[in-house]
Structures are given as C-alpha cells and as structure tokens.
Amino acid sequence: MTASTPSDGAVSGDGSSGRGFSAGSVPPRVWVALVLVVITIVFMVQNRDSTEIQVLFFSLVAPLWATLAVAVGVGVLIGLLLRPSERRRRKAARRG
C-alpha cells in the first residue's frame, strides 16, 4: 500500500488558493483607512509647532496637531452623548 502524496501544487490546508495578491482583492474600506492614515501622518508632520491653549484658568503648551485631535475627540464624544437612544428611536418609529 502506498500513501498518496499531494502533487507539486499547493499543499492541502496551507491557505493558498492559487490566487495572487491584487489590489482588487482588498476591500474598499481598507483603502479608505490607508488613505486616512496617510493624511493623518502628513497632517501631524505639518502641524508640529507648539501652541498655547487656555482653558478656563489653565494655560498649557502643546503641539497644534494634538490640540486639534483633542478638539475633534471632544466633538465626537459630545455627538455620541447627544444622539437619540435606541429606545427613543423605536418609540418614534412606532408613532410614525
């Protein structure tokens, strides 16, 4: 009795399906994420200058990119806190 061996092609179960890498095999959301990462890196490099920030009685010096990133983060947080809850959305959908 002789044991069967795979042919010269891909070994069974090794994860290769014979297809090579192509740009079309990458989902669009990955491309968008990569573009946003590149834009973010360029933004950070171009805005390295320090700036003085005054909040109430405090004053601090930080890089401009960090200041803007914190401002965007606070804006996103406010938006998440002020959006209607799922319960209110369901209630409104039943009425309408």
Protein backbone atom coordinates (compact mmCIF):
# COMPACT_ATOMS: atom_id res chain seq x y z
CA MET A 1 0.00 0.00 0.00
CA THR A 2 1.43 3.38 -0.96
CA ALA A 3 0.49 6.61 0.72
CA SER A 4 -0.94 9.25 -1.55
CA THR A 5 1.02 12.49 -1.67
CA PRO A 6 -0.15 15.85 -2.91
CA SER A 7 1.01 16.88 -6.35
CA ASP A 8 3.59 19.61 -6.87
CA GLY A 9 0.86 22.26 -6.34
CA ALA A 10 -0.27 23.77 -3.05
CA VAL A 11 -0.33 21.55 -0.01
CA SER A 12 -3.82 20.89 1.24
CA GLY A 13 -4.77 23.22 4.08
CA ASP A 14 -1.89 25.67 3.67
CA GLY A 15 -4.24 28.57 2.96
CA SER A 16 -3.07 29.29 -0.58
CA SER A 17 -5.75 29.06 -3.20
CA GLY A 18 -3.59 29.69 -6.23
CA ARG A 19 -4.65 33.33 -6.48
CA GLY A 20 -2.03 36.02 -6.17
CA PHE A 21 -2.40 39.34 -4.39
CA SER A 22 -4.22 42.02 -6.35
CA ALA A 23 -5.46 45.48 -5.49
CA GLY A 24 -8.99 44.33 -6.31
CA SER A 25 -8.88 41.74 -3.53
CA VAL A 26 -8.57 44.45 -0.86
CA PRO A 27 -11.93 45.79 0.40
CA PRO A 28 -12.63 49.49 -0.28
CA ARG A 29 -12.84 50.27 3.45
CA VAL A 30 -9.21 49.16 3.83
CA TRP A 31 -8.17 51.57 1.04
CA VAL A 32 -10.11 54.40 2.70
CA ALA A 33 -8.46 53.60 6.03
CA LEU A 34 -4.99 53.62 4.44
CA VAL A 35 -5.65 56.98 2.77
CA LEU A 36 -6.87 58.42 6.08
CA VAL A 37 -3.75 57.13 7.86
CA VAL A 38 -1.50 58.79 5.26
CA ILE A 39 -3.44 62.07 5.51
CA THR A 40 -3.21 61.91 9.32
CA ILE A 41 0.56 61.39 9.21
CA VAL A 42 1.02 64.28 6.78
CA PHE A 43 -1.20 66.47 9.00
CA MET A 44 0.85 65.63 12.09
CA VAL A 45 4.16 66.33 10.36
CA GLN A 46 2.96 69.68 9.03
CA ASN A 47 1.49 70.84 12.37
CA ARG A 48 4.30 70.14 14.82
CA ASP A 49 4.53 73.75 16.02
CA SER A 50 3.65 74.32 19.66
CA THR A 51 0.71 76.48 20.53
CA GLU A 52 -0.60 77.90 23.79
CA ILE A 53 -4.02 76.72 24.86
CA GLN A 54 -6.10 78.43 27.52
CA VAL A 55 -8.96 76.55 29.14
CA LEU A 56 -10.72 78.38 31.97
CA PHE A 57 -7.90 79.23 34.38
CA PHE A 58 -5.33 76.86 32.91
CA SER A 59 -2.77 77.57 30.24
CA LEU A 60 -0.64 74.91 28.59
CA VAL A 61 1.58 74.50 25.56
CA ALA A 62 1.04 71.55 23.22
CA PRO A 63 1.62 70.66 19.57
CA LEU A 64 -1.06 72.02 17.27
CA TRP A 65 -1.91 68.56 15.89
CA ALA A 66 -2.54 67.22 19.41
CA THR A 67 -4.72 70.20 20.26
CA LEU A 68 -6.84 69.72 17.16
CA ALA A 69 -7.05 65.95 17.74
CA VAL A 70 -8.35 66.52 21.28
CA ALA A 71 -10.89 69.04 19.96
CA VAL A 72 -12.15 66.52 17.38
CA GLY A 73 -12.32 63.82 20.04
CA VAL A 74 -14.36 66.05 22.34
CA GLY A 75 -16.69 66.86 19.44
CA VAL A 76 -17.21 63.18 18.66
CA LEU A 77 -17.88 62.45 22.33
CA ILE A 78 -20.47 65.25 22.51
CA GLY A 79 -22.12 63.90 19.37
CA LEU A 80 -22.30 60.39 20.82
CA LEU A 81 -23.74 61.66 24.09
CA LEU A 82 -26.42 63.76 22.38
CA ARG A 83 -27.68 61.24 19.84
CA PRO A 84 -31.10 59.75 20.49
CA SER A 85 -31.14 56.48 22.40
CA GLU A 86 -32.26 53.26 20.72
CA ARG A 87 -35.38 53.23 22.90
CA ARG A 88 -36.40 56.71 21.68
CA ARG A 89 -35.81 55.69 18.07
CA ARG A 90 -38.04 52.63 18.43
CA LYS A 91 -40.72 54.72 20.15
CA ALA A 92 -40.64 57.31 17.36
CA ALA A 93 -40.80 54.59 14.71
CA ARG A 94 -43.94 53.10 16.30
CA ARG A 95 -45.67 56.51 16.32
CA GLY A 96 -44.77 57.36 12.71
